[in-house]
Amino acid sequence: MRLVLGSASPRRLDLLAQIGVTPDAVRPADIDETPRARELPRPYCARMALEKVQAVTAAEDEIVLCADTTVALGRRILGKPETATQAAEFLMLLGGRRHSVITAVAVKRGAQVWTREVETAVKMKRLSDDELNGYLASDEWQGKAGAYGIQGRAGAFIPWIQGSFSAVVGLPLAETAVLLNAAGWRA
């Protein structure tokens, strides 16, 4: 069996490498990631992972792995900010509060699909103006749900998490290994 990663995320490649998994191919899924009206964060995230895995074309001997990470403040989905102003808004909303990071994983082999969602509680400290402006100037917020990546500079803003660190980065490793095993993939 060959493994296809349906994601362009370098973080997901790094996380897979931590557990000794190297995809045979990388084929990012191209889907519309717009949330539906009144769609809640967890169902949205699960739908995104499922739509991604279904969008990746695979041969009979290929297993496809896709994931989606969503930052949620209550019922509000904080996606990938389009501008530094929007990133600042997200970071100010998250400051001093707990929020959820949901990562949904979908694995496909033939017509069979296995899925799992992992939710992690995260607390971000209130950022000073200097911290906020320094982080925005670093451009690390770009392409990241909620405008931050815990594995980078923003790690200094997170005093507490409850759940899976790797899920916050972008791929819950324990759950991913179980799904890959269920699909019959062996390193």
Foldseek 3Di string as FASTA:
>chain_A
DFEEEQDPDPLVQVLCVVVPDHGPYYHHFDDDLDDDVLDFDQVSQQVVQVVSLVRDDDDQPYKYKYKGKWKFDDRDTQFQDPDLVSLLVLLQVQAQDKTKIKMKMWMDHPPDIDIDIWIKIWHFHHDDPVRSVVLSVVVQLGPAGSSHACVDPSVVRTPDMGTANSVSNPDRVVVVVVRCVVSPDDD
